[in-house]
Amino acid sequence: MAEFENPYAEHDPFVRAHFDCPDCGGKLWEYAIQGSMVCEDCRSVFRSEDVFDAQVRSDEPVTG
């Protein structure tokens, strides 16, 4: 059987993002494999793309 490395088996798939939750202000964690972010406080889930776009247009709220 061939051997291969699986980086997801050795590392935590969640990475703390540098964004605040638009619902409660908690910190968002990014689950890049699924392209989503989850708040550590209220557990709301957002698409990463929506959070990035809202950051660019910082005056528009992000909807989950």
C-alpha atoms as a PDB file:
ATOM      1  CA  MET A   1       0.000   0.000   0.000  1.00  0.00           C
ATOM      2  CA  ALA A   2       1.304   3.449  -0.878  1.00  0.00           C
ATOM      3  CA  GLU A   3       1.990   5.867   1.959  1.00  0.00           C
ATOM      4  CA  PHE A   4       1.056   9.519   1.860  1.00  0.00           C
ATOM      5  CA  GLU A   5       0.909  12.417   4.272  1.00  0.00           C
ATOM      6  CA  ASN A   6      -2.442  13.825   5.326  1.00  0.00           C
ATOM      7  CA  PRO A   7      -1.883  17.309   6.789  1.00  0.00           C
ATOM      8  CA  TYR A   8      -5.451  17.383   8.121  1.00  0.00           C
ATOM      9  CA  ALA A   9      -4.825  14.334  10.299  1.00  0.00           C
ATOM     10  CA  GLU A  10      -1.929  16.044  12.102  1.00  0.00           C
ATOM     11  CA  HIS A  11      -3.154  19.619  12.426  1.00  0.00           C
ATOM     12  CA  ASP A  12      -6.275  21.306  13.726  1.00  0.00           C
ATOM     13  CA  PRO A  13      -8.395  22.275  10.684  1.00  0.00           C
ATOM     14  CA  PHE A  14      -9.623  25.442  12.421  1.00  0.00           C
ATOM     15  CA  VAL A  15      -7.591  28.645  12.187  1.00  0.00           C
ATOM     16  CA  ARG A  16      -8.439  31.781  14.164  1.00  0.00           C
ATOM     17  CA  ALA A  17      -9.335  34.439  11.657  1.00  0.00           C
ATOM     18  CA  HIS A  18      -8.700  38.128  12.169  1.00  0.00           C
ATOM     19  CA  PHE A  19     -12.370  39.009  12.011  1.00  0.00           C
ATOM     20  CA  ASP A  20     -15.055  39.734  14.582  1.00  0.00           C
ATOM     21  CA  CYS A  21     -18.495  38.144  14.431  1.00  0.00           C
ATOM     22  CA  PRO A  22     -21.001  40.585  12.957  1.00  0.00           C
ATOM     23  CA  ASP A  23     -23.743  39.125  15.200  1.00  0.00           C
ATOM     24  CA  CYS A  24     -22.112  39.258  18.641  1.00  0.00           C
ATOM     25  CA  GLY A  25     -18.556  40.611  18.253  1.00  0.00           C
ATOM     26  CA  GLY A  26     -16.871  37.290  19.173  1.00  0.00           C
ATOM     27  CA  LYS A  27     -13.835  36.004  17.314  1.00  0.00           C
ATOM     28  CA  LEU A  28     -14.309  33.979  14.138  1.00  0.00           C
ATOM     29  CA  TRP A  29     -12.542  30.699  13.436  1.00  0.00           C
ATOM     30  CA  GLU A  30     -12.079  29.677   9.801  1.00  0.00           C
ATOM     31  CA  TYR A  31     -12.685  26.136   8.626  1.00  0.00           C
ATOM     32  CA  ALA A  32     -10.971  26.597   5.273  1.00  0.00           C
ATOM     33  CA  ILE A  33     -11.795  23.149   3.923  1.00  0.00           C
ATOM     34  CA  GLN A  34     -15.475  24.082   3.825  1.00  0.00           C
ATOM     35  CA  GLY A  35     -14.912  27.768   3.130  1.00  0.00           C
ATOM     36  CA  SER A  36     -16.736  28.868   6.254  1.00  0.00           C
ATOM     37  CA  MET A  37     -16.157  30.680   9.539  1.00  0.00           C
ATOM     38  CA  VAL A  38     -17.764  30.001  12.913  1.00  0.00           C
ATOM     39  CA  CYS A  39     -18.002  32.333  15.910  1.00  0.00           C
ATOM     40  CA  GLU A  40     -16.421  31.029  19.114  1.00  0.00           C
ATOM     41  CA  ASP A  41     -19.135  32.685  21.230  1.00  0.00           C
ATOM     42  CA  CYS A  42     -22.526  32.455  19.499  1.00  0.00           C
ATOM     43  CA  ARG A  43     -21.606  29.629  17.055  1.00  0.00           C
ATOM     44  CA  SER A  44     -23.032  31.481  14.058  1.00  0.00           C
ATOM     45  CA  VAL A  45     -21.656  30.223  10.750  1.00  0.00           C
ATOM     46  CA  PHE A  46     -20.704  32.478   7.831  1.00  0.00           C
ATOM     47  CA  ARG A  47     -19.259  31.816   4.402  1.00  0.00           C
ATOM     48  CA  SER A  48     -15.622  32.976   4.355  1.00  0.00           C
ATOM     49  CA  GLU A  49     -16.238  34.761   1.072  1.00  0.00           C
ATOM     50  CA  ASP A  50     -19.048  36.832   2.633  1.00  0.00           C
ATOM     51  CA  VAL A  51     -16.852  37.827   5.583  1.00  0.00           C
ATOM     52  CA  PHE A  52     -13.997  38.852   3.275  1.00  0.00           C
ATOM     53  CA  ASP A  53     -16.345  40.838   1.023  1.00  0.00           C
ATOM     54  CA  ALA A  54     -17.908  42.607   4.017  1.00  0.00           C
ATOM     55  CA  GLN A  55     -14.437  43.522   5.275  1.00  0.00           C
ATOM     56  CA  VAL A  56     -13.734  45.183   1.940  1.00  0.00           C
ATOM     57  CA  ARG A  57     -17.062  47.022   2.101  1.00  0.00           C
ATOM     58  CA  SER A  58     -16.763  47.557   5.861  1.00  0.00           C
ATOM     59  CA  ASP A  59     -19.995  49.518   6.032  1.00  0.00           C
ATOM     60  CA  GLU A  60     -22.210  46.551   5.003  1.00  0.00           C
ATOM     61  CA  PRO A  61     -23.311  43.943   7.572  1.00  0.00           C
ATOM     62  CA  VAL A  62     -22.598  40.245   6.961  1.00  0.00           C
ATOM     63  CA  THR A  63     -25.614  37.956   6.881  1.00  0.00           C
ATOM     64  CA  GLY A  64     -25.271  34.244   7.741  1.00  0.00           C
END
